[in-house]
Amino acid sequence: MYSDFLGKPEKNCAKVLNSEDRQAIDDASAHLYFKICPSELKRILSQRSYDKKVIPKSEAYSNENITYGGNIPKWWTPSKLGDSCILYIYFDQDIDWAEHLYVSFDSTTVYYRDDRY
C-alpha cells in the first residue's frame, strides 16, 4: 500500500506500522501509519505541491474523526505526534483527490490519509 500511494521508498527508510485500505466502494479514505527517515519525507514531498502548516494537538485530534464514508481505524491518531505537528495537504480538484500527511517535527513518524471523494 505504501508504494502504491507514495512510490517506492528509499532502501531501509520506511516501516509501515499499520494500514487500512478502503473497505468498500463508498469508503473514500485509506489510512497509513509509518516510520521513515527524514530523507524519505523529502522524497515524498518532492512528488507533489503540498501545502504545509503547523497545527496544534487539538486540531490533529479533531481531524482524527473526519470521514468521507467508511470507518476510521482506532490506531489512526495524529494527535499522538505531540503538542503540535506538521500537516502537509495535497488536493487535486480535477479528480477530487486529497492526501494528508501528519508529520512529527523530527520527520520520522507519519500518519497518512488518502481521500477519494
N, C-alpha and C. Protein backbone atom coordinates (compact mmCIF):
# COMPACT_ATOMS: atom_id res chain seq x y z
N MET A 1 0.82 -1.19 0.00
CA MET A 1 0.00 0.00 0.00
C MET A 1 0.87 1.27 0.00
N TYR A 2 1.93 1.24 0.79
CA TYR A 2 2.82 2.39 0.88
C TYR A 2 3.33 2.78 -0.51
N SER A 3 3.87 1.81 -1.23
CA SER A 3 4.42 2.09 -2.56
C SER A 3 3.35 2.54 -3.54
N ASP A 4 2.14 1.99 -3.43
CA ASP A 4 1.05 2.39 -4.31
C ASP A 4 0.71 3.87 -4.13
N PHE A 5 0.70 4.34 -2.90
CA PHE A 5 0.32 5.72 -2.63
C PHE A 5 1.49 6.70 -2.74
N LEU A 6 2.66 6.29 -2.27
CA LEU A 6 3.77 7.24 -2.11
C LEU A 6 5.00 6.92 -2.94
N GLY A 7 4.96 5.87 -3.71
CA GLY A 7 6.11 5.48 -4.51
C GLY A 7 7.04 4.58 -3.73
N LYS A 8 8.02 4.05 -4.42
CA LYS A 8 8.97 3.13 -3.81
C LYS A 8 9.87 3.88 -2.83
N PRO A 9 9.94 3.42 -1.59
CA PRO A 9 10.76 4.13 -0.60
C PRO A 9 12.25 3.90 -0.81
N GLU A 10 13.03 4.81 -0.24
CA GLU A 10 14.47 4.60 -0.21
C GLU A 10 14.76 3.33 0.59
N LYS A 11 15.84 2.70 0.28
CA LYS A 11 16.19 1.44 0.95
C LYS A 11 16.25 1.62 2.47
N ASN A 12 15.52 0.76 3.17
CA ASN A 12 15.51 0.74 4.64
C ASN A 12 15.06 2.05 5.27
N CYS A 13 14.24 2.84 4.56
CA CYS A 13 13.82 4.13 5.11
C CYS A 13 12.31 4.22 5.35
N ALA A 14 11.60 3.12 5.29
CA ALA A 14 10.16 3.17 5.56
C ALA A 14 9.72 1.86 6.22
N LYS A 15 9.01 2.01 7.32
CA LYS A 15 8.45 0.85 8.01
C LYS A 15 6.99 1.15 8.32
N VAL A 16 6.10 0.43 7.64
CA VAL A 16 4.66 0.62 7.88
C VAL A 16 4.31 -0.08 9.19
N LEU A 17 3.70 0.69 10.10
CA LEU A 17 3.30 0.15 11.39
C LEU A 17 1.85 -0.30 11.38
N ASN A 18 1.03 0.34 10.55
CA ASN A 18 -0.37 -0.04 10.43
C ASN A 18 -0.94 0.55 9.15
N SER A 19 -1.92 -0.14 8.58
CA SER A 19 -2.55 0.35 7.36
C SER A 19 -3.97 -0.19 7.26
N GLU A 20 -4.78 0.58 6.57
CA GLU A 20 -6.14 0.13 6.26
C GLU A 20 -6.55 0.75 4.94
N ASP A 21 -6.78 -0.11 3.96
CA ASP A 21 -7.21 0.34 2.65
C ASP A 21 -8.71 0.59 2.68
N ARG A 22 -9.22 1.15 1.62
CA ARG A 22 -10.66 1.34 1.51
C ARG A 22 -11.35 -0.02 1.64
N GLN A 23 -12.43 -0.07 2.40
CA GLN A 23 -13.09 -1.33 2.67
C GLN A 23 -14.27 -1.60 1.76
N ALA A 24 -14.82 -0.57 1.15
CA ALA A 24 -15.99 -0.73 0.28
C ALA A 24 -16.00 0.39 -0.74
N ILE A 25 -16.88 0.28 -1.69
CA ILE A 25 -16.99 1.28 -2.75
C ILE A 25 -17.32 2.67 -2.20
N ASP A 26 -18.07 2.73 -1.09
CA ASP A 26 -18.44 4.03 -0.52
C ASP A 26 -17.44 4.50 0.55
N ASP A 27 -16.36 3.78 0.73
CA ASP A 27 -15.32 4.15 1.68
C ASP A 27 -14.30 4.99 0.93
N ALA A 28 -14.25 6.28 1.23
CA ALA A 28 -13.42 7.20 0.45
C ALA A 28 -11.98 7.29 0.94
N SER A 29 -11.68 6.79 2.13
CA SER A 29 -10.36 7.02 2.72
C SER A 29 -9.56 5.74 2.94
N ALA A 30 -8.26 5.88 2.75
CA ALA A 30 -7.30 4.85 3.12
C ALA A 30 -6.34 5.49 4.12
N HIS A 31 -5.85 4.70 5.07
CA HIS A 31 -5.00 5.23 6.14
C HIS A 31 -3.72 4.42 6.27
N LEU A 32 -2.63 5.13 6.56
CA LEU A 32 -1.33 4.51 6.83
C LEU A 32 -0.70 5.18 8.05
N TYR A 33 0.06 4.41 8.78
CA TYR A 33 0.86 4.92 9.90
C TYR A 33 2.24 4.31 9.72
N PHE A 34 3.28 5.16 9.61
CA PHE A 34 4.60 4.61 9.33
C PHE A 34 5.72 5.46 9.92
N LYS A 35 6.88 4.82 10.01
CA LYS A 35 8.13 5.47 10.43
C LYS A 35 9.00 5.59 9.19
N ILE A 36 9.71 6.71 9.07
CA ILE A 36 10.57 6.94 7.91
C ILE A 36 11.84 7.69 8.32
N CYS A 37 12.77 7.74 7.41
CA CYS A 37 13.95 8.59 7.53
C CYS A 37 13.56 9.99 7.04
N PRO A 38 14.16 11.04 7.58
CA PRO A 38 13.86 12.39 7.07
C PRO A 38 14.08 12.52 5.56
N SER A 39 15.05 11.80 5.02
CA SER A 39 15.29 11.87 3.57
C SER A 39 14.12 11.26 2.78
N GLU A 40 13.44 10.28 3.37
CA GLU A 40 12.28 9.69 2.72
C GLU A 40 11.13 10.70 2.68
N LEU A 41 10.98 11.48 3.73
CA LEU A 41 9.95 12.52 3.71
C LEU A 41 10.24 13.52 2.59
N LYS A 42 11.47 13.90 2.43
CA LYS A 42 11.84 14.81 1.34
C LYS A 42 11.47 14.22 -0.02
N ARG A 43 11.72 12.92 -0.19
CA ARG A 43 11.37 12.25 -1.45
C ARG A 43 9.87 12.31 -1.68
N ILE A 44 9.09 12.02 -0.66
CA ILE A 44 7.63 12.04 -0.78
C ILE A 44 7.15 13.44 -1.14
N LEU A 45 7.63 14.44 -0.43
CA LEU A 45 7.17 15.82 -0.65
C LEU A 45 7.59 16.38 -2.00
N SER A 46 8.62 15.81 -2.60
CA SER A 46 9.09 16.30 -3.90
C SER A 46 8.17 15.85 -5.04
N GLN A 47 7.25 14.93 -4.78
CA GLN A 47 6.39 14.38 -5.83
C GLN A 47 5.22 15.28 -6.20
N ARG A 48 4.77 16.11 -5.27
CA ARG A 48 3.60 16.97 -5.49
C ARG A 48 3.80 18.31 -4.78
N SER A 49 2.92 19.24 -5.07
CA SER A 49 2.96 20.55 -4.41
C SER A 49 2.04 20.52 -3.19
N TYR A 50 2.62 20.20 -2.05
CA TYR A 50 1.87 20.13 -0.81
C TYR A 50 1.80 21.51 -0.15
N ASP A 51 0.66 21.81 0.45
CA ASP A 51 0.55 22.96 1.34
C ASP A 51 1.02 22.49 2.71
N LYS A 52 1.70 23.36 3.42
CA LYS A 52 2.27 22.99 4.72
C LYS A 52 1.79 23.95 5.79
N LYS A 53 1.41 23.37 6.94
CA LYS A 53 1.11 24.23 8.08
C LYS A 53 1.36 23.45 9.37
N VAL A 54 1.70 24.18 10.40
CA VAL A 54 1.86 23.59 11.73
C VAL A 54 0.51 23.67 12.41
N ILE A 55 0.07 22.53 12.97
CA ILE A 55 -1.22 22.51 13.66
C ILE A 55 -1.03 22.05 15.10
N PRO A 56 -1.86 22.57 16.01
CA PRO A 56 -1.78 22.13 17.41
C PRO A 56 -2.41 20.75 17.58
N LYS A 57 -2.10 20.13 18.68
CA LYS A 57 -2.64 18.80 19.01
C LYS A 57 -4.16 18.79 18.93
N SER A 58 -4.81 19.85 19.36
CA SER A 58 -6.28 19.90 19.34
C SER A 58 -6.84 19.80 17.92
N GLU A 59 -6.18 20.42 16.96
CA GLU A 59 -6.64 20.33 15.57
C GLU A 59 -6.38 18.93 15.01
N ALA A 60 -5.23 18.37 15.33
CA ALA A 60 -4.94 17.00 14.90
C ALA A 60 -5.97 16.04 15.47
N TYR A 61 -6.33 16.25 16.72
CA TYR A 61 -7.34 15.40 17.37
C TYR A 61 -8.70 15.51 16.68
N SER A 62 -9.13 16.73 16.38
CA SER A 62 -10.43 16.89 15.71
C SER A 62 -10.40 16.31 14.30
N ASN A 63 -9.25 16.35 13.63
CA ASN A 63 -9.12 15.78 12.30
C ASN A 63 -9.15 14.25 12.31
N GLU A 64 -8.90 13.64 13.46
CA GLU A 64 -8.92 12.18 13.56
C GLU A 64 -10.31 11.61 13.27
N ASN A 65 -11.33 12.42 13.41
CA ASN A 65 -12.70 11.95 13.25
C ASN A 65 -13.32 12.30 11.91
N ILE A 66 -12.55 12.96 11.03
CA ILE A 66 -13.08 13.32 9.72
C ILE A 66 -13.17 12.08 8.85
N THR A 67 -14.32 11.89 8.25
CA THR A 67 -14.50 10.75 7.36
C THR A 67 -15.34 11.17 6.16
N TYR A 68 -15.04 10.59 5.05
CA TYR A 68 -15.81 10.83 3.83
C TYR A 68 -16.51 9.54 3.43
N GLY A 69 -16.91 8.81 4.43
CA GLY A 69 -17.51 7.49 4.23
C GLY A 69 -16.56 6.44 4.77
N GLY A 70 -17.10 5.36 5.29
CA GLY A 70 -16.26 4.28 5.81
C GLY A 70 -15.85 4.51 7.24
N ASN A 71 -15.01 3.62 7.72
CA ASN A 71 -14.56 3.65 9.11
C ASN A 71 -13.18 4.28 9.25
N ILE A 72 -12.94 4.83 10.42
CA ILE A 72 -11.63 5.36 10.76
C ILE A 72 -10.98 4.34 11.68
N PRO A 73 -9.78 3.88 11.36
CA PRO A 73 -9.12 2.90 12.23
C PRO A 73 -8.84 3.49 13.62
N LYS A 74 -8.94 2.67 14.63
CA LYS A 74 -8.70 3.13 16.01
C LYS A 74 -7.25 3.59 16.22
N TRP A 75 -6.31 3.03 15.48
CA TRP A 75 -4.90 3.37 15.62
C TRP A 75 -4.54 4.67 14.90
N TRP A 76 -5.45 5.22 14.10
CA TRP A 76 -5.14 6.43 13.33
C TRP A 76 -5.32 7.64 14.23
N THR A 77 -4.23 8.05 14.90
CA THR A 77 -4.28 9.08 15.93
C THR A 77 -3.15 10.10 15.77
N PRO A 78 -3.25 10.99 14.79
CA PRO A 78 -2.21 12.00 14.60
C PRO A 78 -1.97 12.88 15.82
N SER A 79 -2.94 12.99 16.71
CA SER A 79 -2.76 13.82 17.91
C SER A 79 -1.66 13.26 18.81
N LYS A 80 -1.27 12.02 18.62
CA LYS A 80 -0.20 11.42 19.43
C LYS A 80 1.18 11.85 18.97
N LEU A 81 1.27 12.69 17.95
CA LEU A 81 2.56 13.17 17.47
C LEU A 81 3.18 14.21 18.39
N GLY A 82 2.42 14.72 19.34
CA GLY A 82 2.95 15.71 20.28
C GLY A 82 2.03 16.90 20.43
N ASP A 83 2.55 17.96 21.02
CA ASP A 83 1.76 19.17 21.24
C ASP A 83 1.36 19.85 19.94
N SER A 84 2.12 19.59 18.89
CA SER A 84 1.80 20.07 17.56
C SER A 84 2.52 19.18 16.55
N CYS A 85 2.13 19.32 15.30
CA CYS A 85 2.77 18.55 14.23
C CYS A 85 2.68 19.36 12.94
N ILE A 86 3.29 18.83 11.90
CA ILE A 86 3.25 19.49 10.60
C ILE A 86 2.24 18.73 9.74
N LEU A 87 1.33 19.47 9.13
CA LEU A 87 0.34 18.88 8.25
C LEU A 87 0.65 19.32 6.82
N TYR A 88 0.85 18.33 5.95
CA TYR A 88 1.04 18.57 4.52
C TYR A 88 -0.21 18.08 3.81
N ILE A 89 -0.78 18.95 2.98
CA ILE A 89 -2.00 18.60 2.25
C ILE A 89 -1.78 18.82 0.76
N TYR A 90 -2.20 17.84 -0.01
CA TYR A 90 -2.22 17.97 -1.47
C TYR A 90 -3.67 17.73 -1.90
N PHE A 91 -4.19 18.60 -2.76
CA PHE A 91 -5.55 18.43 -3.25
C PHE A 91 -5.57 18.63 -4.76
N ASP A 92 -6.14 17.66 -5.46
CA ASP A 92 -6.32 17.74 -6.91
C ASP A 92 -7.81 17.84 -7.18
N GLN A 93 -8.28 19.06 -7.45
CA GLN A 93 -9.73 19.28 -7.62
C GLN A 93 -10.28 18.65 -8.89
N ASP A 94 -9.43 18.42 -9.88
CA ASP A 94 -9.90 17.81 -11.13
C ASP A 94 -10.40 16.39 -10.92
N ILE A 95 -9.81 15.68 -9.98
CA ILE A 95 -10.25 14.31 -9.74
C ILE A 95 -10.74 14.10 -8.30
N ASP A 96 -10.97 15.20 -7.57
CA ASP A 96 -11.44 15.12 -6.18
C ASP A 96 -10.63 14.15 -5.35
N TRP A 97 -9.34 14.44 -5.24
CA TRP A 97 -8.41 13.59 -4.52
C TRP A 97 -7.58 14.44 -3.57
N ALA A 98 -7.41 13.97 -2.35
CA ALA A 98 -6.59 14.68 -1.37
C ALA A 98 -5.70 13.72 -0.62
N GLU A 99 -4.52 14.20 -0.28
CA GLU A 99 -3.59 13.48 0.58
C GLU A 99 -3.30 14.36 1.79
N HIS A 100 -3.29 13.74 2.96
CA HIS A 100 -2.97 14.43 4.20
C HIS A 100 -1.83 13.68 4.87
N LEU A 101 -0.75 14.36 5.16
CA LEU A 101 0.36 13.77 5.90
C LEU A 101 0.56 14.55 7.18
N TYR A 102 0.34 13.89 8.31
CA TYR A 102 0.58 14.47 9.62
C TYR A 102 1.96 13.96 10.05
N VAL A 103 2.90 14.88 10.22
CA VAL A 103 4.30 14.51 10.38
C VAL A 103 4.86 15.07 11.69
N SER A 104 5.62 14.24 12.40
CA SER A 104 6.30 14.69 13.61
C SER A 104 7.38 15.71 13.24
N PHE A 105 7.76 16.53 14.21
CA PHE A 105 8.75 17.57 13.92
C PHE A 105 10.12 17.02 13.58
N ASP A 106 10.42 15.80 14.00
CA ASP A 106 11.71 15.21 13.63
C ASP A 106 11.64 14.47 12.28
N SER A 107 10.49 14.55 11.62
CA SER A 107 10.27 13.97 10.27
C SER A 107 10.44 12.46 10.22
N THR A 108 10.12 11.75 11.32
CA THR A 108 10.29 10.31 11.34
C THR A 108 9.00 9.52 11.53
N THR A 109 7.92 10.19 11.92
CA THR A 109 6.66 9.50 12.17
C THR A 109 5.56 10.19 11.36
N VAL A 110 4.78 9.39 10.63
CA VAL A 110 3.77 9.96 9.74
C VAL A 110 2.46 9.19 9.84
N TYR A 111 1.38 9.95 9.92
CA TYR A 111 0.02 9.43 9.73
C TYR A 111 -0.44 9.97 8.39
N TYR A 112 -0.86 9.09 7.51
CA TYR A 112 -1.20 9.45 6.14
C TYR A 112 -2.65 9.05 5.84
N ARG A 113 -3.37 9.95 5.18
CA ARG A 113 -4.74 9.64 4.75
C ARG A 113 -4.89 10.03 3.29
N ASP A 114 -5.41 9.11 2.50
CA ASP A 114 -5.68 9.32 1.08
C ASP A 114 -7.20 9.34 0.93
N ASP A 115 -7.74 10.44 0.42
CA ASP A 115 -9.19 10.58 0.27
C ASP A 115 -9.56 10.71 -1.19
N ARG A 116 -10.49 9.89 -1.63
CA ARG A 116 -11.08 9.97 -2.97
C ARG A 116 -12.54 10.28 -2.77
N TYR A 117 -12.96 11.45 -3.20
CA TYR A 117 -14.34 11.90 -2.93
C TYR A 117 -15.29 11.40 -4.00
